[in-house]
Amino acid sequence: MPKLSEQLTEKERKFLKRISLTGLVMFGLLIITLFFWARRLDGLREQALALQSEVDKLAVRTEETLAELKSWQETQTDLAEIKKTWFYAGQGGMDTFRQDLTQLFQKAGRPVPAISYQYEEDQKKEFRRLSASFGLSLSYPMLKKFMYELESWPRIWLLDQINFQKIDNLSGLVDLRLTVAGYYYEK
């Protein structure tokens, strides 16, 4: 039986060779193109991963920044609340400071002694100091009660100075001079 190639004419054989050669070249170009695009896609995938990593870092940084912003906003709210409730406001704050001291003595069950007031007049400071100095003569349990009332007062008061002038061991009386400070701000 004759081979298939023997049944073809010379012209048909040349045509088949050209088609085969063209197909082989096309197949080679396809392989080269696919290899090129595979490498290109690998490079793009690496770039995409690097960019995704950067986006993730930015997202984390944004979340941290938003959390910090929220914290600062809460702090600002807390400071406004502290300023409103713990400090005395304006010129009326001085009168309120005096009234609070009177109420403190009443709450502690003590008569109001002679009180010496000092006011800080430094215009450069936002918060100014109010001081009240007074003498007390009381027993140790009464001193503890007075100190408790002083420390638990709703406004911020600092116990600046305690001078024990006389301690009577027989009667348990303590003579002392206290200086209490509060703060006010101009509205």
Protein backbone atom coordinates (compact mmCIF):
# COMPACT_ATOMS: atom_id res chain seq x y z
CA MET A 1 0.00 0.00 0.00
CA PRO A 2 1.44 3.37 -0.96
CA LYS A 3 2.20 5.99 1.68
CA LEU A 4 0.01 8.99 1.99
CA SER A 5 2.87 11.33 1.11
CA GLU A 6 3.45 9.42 -2.13
CA GLN A 7 -0.09 10.09 -3.24
CA LEU A 8 0.35 13.85 -2.95
CA THR A 9 1.65 15.97 -5.76
CA GLU A 10 4.80 18.05 -5.37
CA LYS A 11 2.76 21.22 -5.08
CA GLU A 12 0.60 19.72 -2.33
CA ARG A 13 3.71 18.51 -0.45
CA LYS A 14 5.24 22.00 -0.53
CA PHE A 15 1.96 23.45 0.63
CA LEU A 16 1.78 20.94 3.53
CA LYS A 17 5.40 21.70 4.46
CA ARG A 18 4.66 25.42 4.51
CA ILE A 19 1.54 24.90 6.60
CA SER A 20 3.45 22.61 8.99
CA LEU A 21 6.34 25.04 9.25
CA THR A 22 3.94 27.96 9.74
CA GLY A 23 2.05 25.95 12.39
CA LEU A 24 5.33 25.07 14.11
CA VAL A 25 6.46 28.71 14.10
CA MET A 26 3.04 29.78 15.37
CA PHE A 27 3.18 27.13 18.09
CA GLY A 28 6.68 28.30 19.06
CA LEU A 29 5.49 31.92 19.16
CA LEU A 30 2.52 30.85 21.27
CA ILE A 31 4.83 29.08 23.75
CA ILE A 32 7.16 32.09 23.90
CA THR A 33 4.21 34.48 24.31
CA LEU A 34 2.68 32.34 27.06
CA PHE A 35 6.04 32.16 28.84
CA PHE A 36 6.44 35.95 28.55
CA TRP A 37 2.91 36.59 29.86
CA ALA A 38 3.35 34.08 32.69
CA ARG A 39 6.46 35.94 33.86
CA ARG A 40 4.68 39.26 33.43
CA LEU A 41 1.68 38.00 35.45
CA ASP A 42 4.01 36.71 38.19
CA GLY A 43 5.57 40.18 38.41
CA LEU A 44 2.15 41.81 38.52
CA ARG A 45 1.03 39.33 41.21
CA GLU A 46 4.10 40.22 43.32
CA GLN A 47 3.36 43.92 42.87
CA ALA A 48 -0.27 43.32 43.84
CA LEU A 49 0.82 41.44 46.97
CA ALA A 50 3.22 44.25 47.89
CA LEU A 51 0.49 46.85 47.33
CA GLN A 52 -1.99 44.75 49.34
CA SER A 53 0.55 44.61 52.15
CA GLU A 54 0.86 48.41 52.04
CA VAL A 55 -2.94 48.77 52.01
CA ASP A 56 -3.16 46.47 55.05
CA LYS A 57 -0.52 48.53 56.86
CA LEU A 58 -2.40 51.73 56.00
CA ALA A 59 -5.67 50.18 57.21
CA VAL A 60 -4.06 49.23 60.53
CA ARG A 61 -2.51 52.69 60.83
CA THR A 62 -5.87 54.28 60.02
CA GLU A 63 -7.60 52.18 62.68
CA GLU A 64 -4.93 53.16 65.22
CA THR A 65 -5.28 56.82 64.28
CA LEU A 66 -9.07 56.65 64.56
CA ALA A 67 -8.77 54.96 67.96
CA GLU A 68 -6.34 57.66 69.07
CA LEU A 69 -8.67 60.37 67.75
CA LYS A 70 -11.57 58.82 69.66
CA SER A 71 -9.41 58.68 72.77
CA TRP A 72 -8.50 62.37 72.40
CA GLN A 73 -12.16 63.28 71.85
CA GLU A 74 -13.10 61.39 75.00
CA THR A 75 -10.26 63.13 76.83
CA GLN A 76 -11.52 66.49 75.61
CA THR A 77 -15.02 65.62 76.84
CA ASP A 78 -13.59 64.50 80.18
CA LEU A 79 -11.58 67.71 80.49
CA ALA A 80 -14.65 69.80 79.77
CA GLU A 81 -16.56 67.84 82.41
CA ILE A 82 -13.71 68.20 84.91
CA LYS A 83 -13.46 71.90 84.19
CA LYS A 84 -17.19 72.30 84.74
CA THR A 85 -17.52 70.18 87.89
CA TRP A 86 -14.14 70.25 89.65
CA PHE A 87 -13.05 73.86 89.25
CA TYR A 88 -14.65 77.16 90.15
CA ALA A 89 -15.66 79.43 87.29
CA GLY A 90 -15.12 83.17 86.98
CA GLN A 91 -15.44 85.81 89.66
CA GLY A 92 -18.46 84.00 91.09
CA GLY A 93 -16.14 81.06 91.69
CA MET A 94 -14.52 82.89 94.59
CA ASP A 95 -17.87 83.27 96.33
CA THR A 96 -18.70 79.63 95.60
CA PHE A 97 -15.35 78.61 97.12
CA ARG A 98 -16.24 80.48 100.31
CA GLN A 99 -19.72 78.94 100.40
CA ASP A 100 -18.26 75.47 99.87
CA LEU A 101 -15.89 75.97 102.80
CA THR A 102 -18.81 77.05 104.99
CA GLN A 103 -20.79 73.97 103.90
CA LEU A 104 -17.75 71.78 104.61
CA PHE A 105 -17.59 73.01 108.19
CA GLN A 106 -21.34 72.53 108.60
CA LYS A 107 -21.17 69.01 107.17
CA ALA A 108 -18.27 68.14 109.48
CA GLY A 109 -20.20 69.53 112.44
CA ARG A 110 -17.70 72.31 113.15
CA PRO A 111 -18.27 76.03 113.64
CA VAL A 112 -16.79 78.20 110.91
CA PRO A 113 -13.46 79.62 112.18
CA ALA A 114 -11.79 82.82 111.05
CA ILE A 115 -10.56 82.15 107.52
CA SER A 116 -7.79 83.98 105.69
CA TYR A 117 -8.20 83.91 101.89
CA GLN A 118 -5.51 84.40 99.25
CA TYR A 119 -6.21 84.73 95.54
CA GLU A 120 -3.71 84.32 92.76
CA GLU A 121 -3.98 87.20 90.31
CA ASP A 122 -1.58 86.00 87.60
CA GLN A 123 -3.37 86.82 84.33
CA LYS A 124 -1.08 84.54 82.30
CA LYS A 125 -2.40 81.33 83.84
CA GLU A 126 -5.67 79.77 82.75
CA PHE A 127 -6.31 78.27 86.19
CA ARG A 128 -5.77 80.44 89.23
CA ARG A 129 -5.32 79.35 92.78
CA LEU A 130 -7.66 80.13 95.68
CA SER A 131 -6.30 79.45 99.18
CA ALA A 132 -8.01 79.44 102.54
CA SER A 133 -6.07 79.25 105.80
CA PHE A 134 -7.77 78.56 109.12
CA GLY A 135 -7.06 77.17 112.55
CA LEU A 136 -8.83 74.24 114.17
CA SER A 137 -8.88 72.71 117.61
CA LEU A 138 -10.46 69.28 117.61
CA SER A 139 -10.04 65.65 118.62
CA TYR A 140 -8.34 63.10 116.40
CA PRO A 141 -11.64 61.37 115.38
CA MET A 142 -13.13 64.77 114.49
CA LEU A 143 -9.97 65.56 112.49
CA LYS A 144 -10.40 62.30 110.57
CA LYS A 145 -14.06 63.15 109.87
CA PHE A 146 -13.12 66.65 108.73
CA MET A 147 -10.35 65.30 106.46
CA TYR A 148 -12.75 62.75 104.99
CA GLU A 149 -15.28 65.48 104.19
CA LEU A 150 -12.50 67.60 102.68
CA GLU A 151 -11.20 64.78 100.47
CA SER A 152 -14.64 63.66 99.31
CA TRP A 153 -15.81 67.15 98.35
CA PRO A 154 -17.07 67.18 94.72
CA ARG A 155 -14.69 69.95 93.66
CA ILE A 156 -10.94 69.51 93.59
CA TRP A 157 -9.31 70.77 96.76
CA LEU A 158 -5.71 70.33 97.73
CA LEU A 159 -4.54 70.23 101.30
CA ASP A 160 -1.58 72.57 100.97
CA GLN A 161 -0.32 72.70 104.47
CA ILE A 162 -0.95 71.22 107.91
CA ASN A 163 0.82 72.83 110.85
CA PHE A 164 0.30 71.01 114.12
CA GLN A 165 0.64 73.76 116.68
CA LYS A 166 -0.26 71.83 119.81
CA ILE A 167 -1.08 68.20 120.56
CA ASP A 168 -2.56 67.51 123.99
CA ASN A 169 -2.00 63.85 124.85
CA LEU A 170 -4.26 63.96 127.91
CA SER A 171 -7.41 65.33 126.31
CA GLY A 172 -6.63 64.16 122.76
CA LEU A 173 -7.16 67.65 121.33
CA VAL A 174 -5.11 68.77 118.39
CA ASP A 175 -4.54 72.44 117.56
CA LEU A 176 -3.55 72.90 113.95
CA ARG A 177 -3.57 75.32 111.07
CA LEU A 178 -4.72 74.10 107.65
CA THR A 179 -4.32 75.65 104.23
CA VAL A 180 -6.75 74.38 101.61
CA ALA A 181 -6.47 75.34 97.93
CA GLY A 182 -8.99 75.24 95.12
CA TYR A 183 -8.73 76.45 91.55
CA TYR A 184 -10.83 78.74 89.40
CA TYR A 185 -10.70 79.89 85.81
CA GLU A 186 -11.99 82.91 83.99
CA LYS A 187 -14.83 82.15 81.61
